[in-house]
Amino acid sequence: MPSFDIVSQIDGQTLDNAINNAKKEILNRYDFNDSKSTVDLEKKTNQITIVTENDMRLKAIQDSIISRMMKQHLDPKALDFGKEHYASGNMIRKEVNIKEGVDKEVAKKIVKKIKDSGLKVQASIMDDQVRVQGKKIDDLQAVISLCRGEDFGQPLQYINMRN
């Protein structure tokens, strides 16, 4: 029976390249001259830590990271910008989480959307992914186009298409 999986993953090496390019851009910008701003990517916890002096620079760093991710063909919806915290002195610290895996609520929305569409497929939630099975590959492709047309607040990939 043909099937495929709906997942939310981000390539670690591509993300690392995007963050490194953003760091280089920040170092070379005139408005960041004499700045103590840092951007660090923690690969184990999938977290980006930004430390800078003021809100304007923080916003510029976020914009730089988003633009570099888009140039690397990564979806910026995978970034979860939290609140700013004041670090030592007058520094602002912001931790940006990277969403990986389909959340339970999002998975339920995906399954509900597929079932409401009337297509003859079965969708089931498996850990942090959604598996879709059907008798015809055309139905599976219709599910993919249906999910691409909807915004679930997370970037989705469609992998493991099997016959």
Protein backbone atom coordinates (compact mmCIF):
# COMPACT_ATOMS: atom_id res chain seq x y z
CA MET A 1 0.00 0.00 0.00
CA PRO A 2 1.57 3.36 -1.01
CA SER A 3 2.48 5.69 1.85
CA PHE A 4 4.56 8.71 2.81
CA ASP A 5 5.50 10.60 5.97
CA ILE A 6 4.89 14.24 6.87
CA VAL A 7 7.76 15.51 9.04
CA SER A 8 9.28 18.78 10.19
CA GLN A 9 13.06 18.62 10.02
CA ILE A 10 15.83 21.09 9.40
CA ASP A 11 19.24 20.18 8.00
CA GLY A 12 21.85 20.88 10.67
CA GLN A 13 24.72 21.61 8.30
CA THR A 14 22.66 24.01 6.19
CA LEU A 15 21.47 25.80 9.33
CA ASP A 16 25.08 26.04 10.55
CA ASN A 17 26.09 27.58 7.20
CA ALA A 18 23.23 30.10 7.42
CA ILE A 19 24.20 31.12 10.97
CA ASN A 20 27.89 31.45 10.02
CA ASN A 21 26.97 33.64 7.02
CA ALA A 22 24.79 35.80 9.29
CA LYS A 23 27.72 36.17 11.72
CA LYS A 24 30.02 37.31 8.88
CA GLU A 25 27.41 39.79 7.66
CA ILE A 26 27.03 41.22 11.18
CA LEU A 27 30.80 41.58 11.65
CA ASN A 28 31.12 43.48 8.36
CA ARG A 29 28.22 45.89 8.87
CA TYR A 30 29.03 49.49 9.69
CA ASP A 31 26.29 49.87 12.28
CA PHE A 32 27.80 46.94 14.22
CA ASN A 33 31.23 48.57 14.41
CA ASP A 34 32.59 48.34 17.99
CA SER A 35 29.71 46.05 18.96
CA LYS A 36 29.96 43.18 21.41
CA SER A 37 27.18 41.24 19.66
CA THR A 38 27.46 37.46 19.45
CA VAL A 39 25.42 34.77 17.75
CA ASP A 40 25.96 31.15 18.83
CA LEU A 41 24.35 27.96 17.56
CA GLU A 42 24.12 25.10 20.06
CA LYS A 43 23.76 22.01 17.86
CA LYS A 44 22.86 19.58 20.64
CA THR A 45 19.90 21.57 21.95
CA ASN A 46 18.98 23.19 18.58
CA GLN A 47 19.13 26.68 20.05
CA ILE A 48 20.53 29.97 18.78
CA THR A 49 21.72 32.44 21.43
CA ILE A 50 21.92 36.13 20.50
CA VAL A 51 23.62 38.62 22.83
CA THR A 52 23.75 42.31 21.88
CA GLU A 53 23.52 45.85 23.28
CA ASN A 54 20.09 47.14 22.23
CA ASP A 55 16.78 46.30 20.56
CA MET A 56 17.74 47.82 17.21
CA ARG A 57 20.77 45.56 16.87
CA LEU A 58 18.76 42.57 18.08
CA LYS A 59 16.17 43.16 15.36
CA ALA A 60 18.94 43.56 12.74
CA ILE A 61 20.53 40.27 13.81
CA GLN A 62 17.18 38.46 13.65
CA ASP A 63 16.53 39.87 10.17
CA SER A 64 20.00 38.79 9.07
CA ILE A 65 19.45 35.24 10.35
CA ILE A 66 16.06 35.00 8.63
CA SER A 67 17.39 36.31 5.32
CA ARG A 68 20.37 33.93 5.41
CA MET A 69 18.08 31.00 6.18
CA MET A 70 15.88 31.90 3.22
CA LYS A 71 18.93 32.10 0.94
CA GLN A 72 19.91 28.60 2.12
CA HIS A 73 16.33 27.38 1.31
CA LEU A 74 15.43 26.87 4.97
CA ASP A 75 12.00 27.89 6.21
CA PRO A 76 12.21 30.61 8.90
CA LYS A 77 8.96 29.27 10.43
CA ALA A 78 11.22 26.72 12.12
CA LEU A 79 12.53 29.49 14.39
CA ASP A 80 10.71 30.13 17.65
CA PHE A 81 11.74 33.60 18.86
CA GLY A 82 11.32 33.72 22.61
CA LYS A 83 11.41 36.75 24.90
CA GLU A 84 14.41 38.95 25.47
CA HIS A 85 16.23 38.70 28.77
CA TYR A 86 18.64 41.23 30.17
CA ALA A 87 22.09 39.73 30.55
CA SER A 88 24.92 41.29 32.55
CA GLY A 89 25.18 45.05 32.29
CA ASN A 90 23.24 46.61 29.45
CA MET A 91 23.31 43.52 27.22
CA ILE A 92 20.19 41.83 25.87
CA ARG A 93 20.11 38.05 25.51
CA LYS A 94 17.63 36.20 23.32
CA GLU A 95 17.34 32.47 22.87
CA VAL A 96 15.81 31.24 19.62
CA ASN A 97 14.59 27.64 19.61
CA ILE A 98 14.57 25.60 16.41
CA LYS A 99 11.41 23.52 16.02
CA GLU A 100 11.98 19.96 14.90
CA GLY A 101 9.34 17.27 14.72
CA VAL A 102 5.63 17.79 14.22
CA ASP A 103 3.93 18.92 17.46
CA LYS A 104 0.96 16.86 18.70
CA GLU A 105 -1.48 19.73 18.16
CA VAL A 106 -0.17 20.36 14.64
CA ALA A 107 -0.31 16.63 13.88
CA LYS A 108 -3.95 16.55 15.01
CA LYS A 109 -4.74 19.52 12.76
CA ILE A 110 -3.06 17.78 9.80
CA VAL A 111 -4.98 14.53 10.38
CA LYS A 112 -8.26 16.44 10.77
CA LYS A 113 -7.61 18.41 7.56
CA ILE A 114 -6.87 15.18 5.65
CA LYS A 115 -9.98 13.43 6.98
CA ASP A 116 -12.20 16.45 6.22
CA SER A 117 -10.91 16.53 2.62
CA GLY A 118 -12.78 13.32 1.76
CA LEU A 119 -9.76 11.66 0.12
CA LYS A 120 -9.56 7.90 0.49
CA VAL A 121 -6.44 7.80 2.64
CA GLN A 122 -5.62 6.96 6.24
CA ALA A 123 -3.52 9.38 8.31
CA SER A 124 -1.97 8.29 11.59
CA ILE A 125 0.27 10.06 14.09
CA MET A 126 3.55 8.29 14.79
CA ASP A 127 5.76 10.02 17.41
CA ASP A 128 6.73 13.33 15.79
CA GLN A 129 5.51 12.59 12.27
CA VAL A 130 2.30 11.81 10.40
CA ARG A 131 2.08 8.75 8.15
CA VAL A 132 -0.40 8.84 5.28
CA GLN A 133 -1.44 5.63 3.47
CA GLY A 134 -3.73 5.17 0.50
CA LYS A 135 -4.49 2.83 -2.38
CA LYS A 136 -3.60 5.32 -5.12
CA ILE A 137 -0.52 7.47 -5.44
CA ASP A 138 -2.71 10.21 -6.93
CA ASP A 139 -4.59 10.44 -3.62
CA LEU A 140 -1.28 10.78 -1.76
CA GLN A 141 -0.17 13.55 -4.11
CA ALA A 142 -3.50 15.28 -3.52
CA VAL A 143 -2.83 15.13 0.24
CA ILE A 144 0.61 16.70 -0.29
CA SER A 145 -0.86 19.57 -2.33
CA LEU A 146 -3.62 19.99 0.28
CA CYS A 147 -1.06 20.28 3.10
CA ARG A 148 1.13 22.66 1.08
CA GLY A 149 -1.84 24.97 0.60
CA GLU A 150 -2.50 25.16 4.35
CA ASP A 151 -0.33 27.00 6.91
CA PHE A 152 0.22 24.87 10.02
CA GLY A 153 2.78 27.23 11.58
CA GLN A 154 5.63 24.81 10.96
CA PRO A 155 7.65 23.93 7.88
CA LEU A 156 6.62 20.48 6.60
CA GLN A 157 8.50 18.02 4.45
CA TYR A 158 7.06 15.00 2.67
CA ILE A 159 9.45 12.04 2.70
CA ASN A 160 9.59 8.24 2.29
CA MET A 161 7.11 7.99 -0.62
CA ARG A 162 6.73 4.23 -1.05
CA ASN A 163 4.83 2.12 -3.52
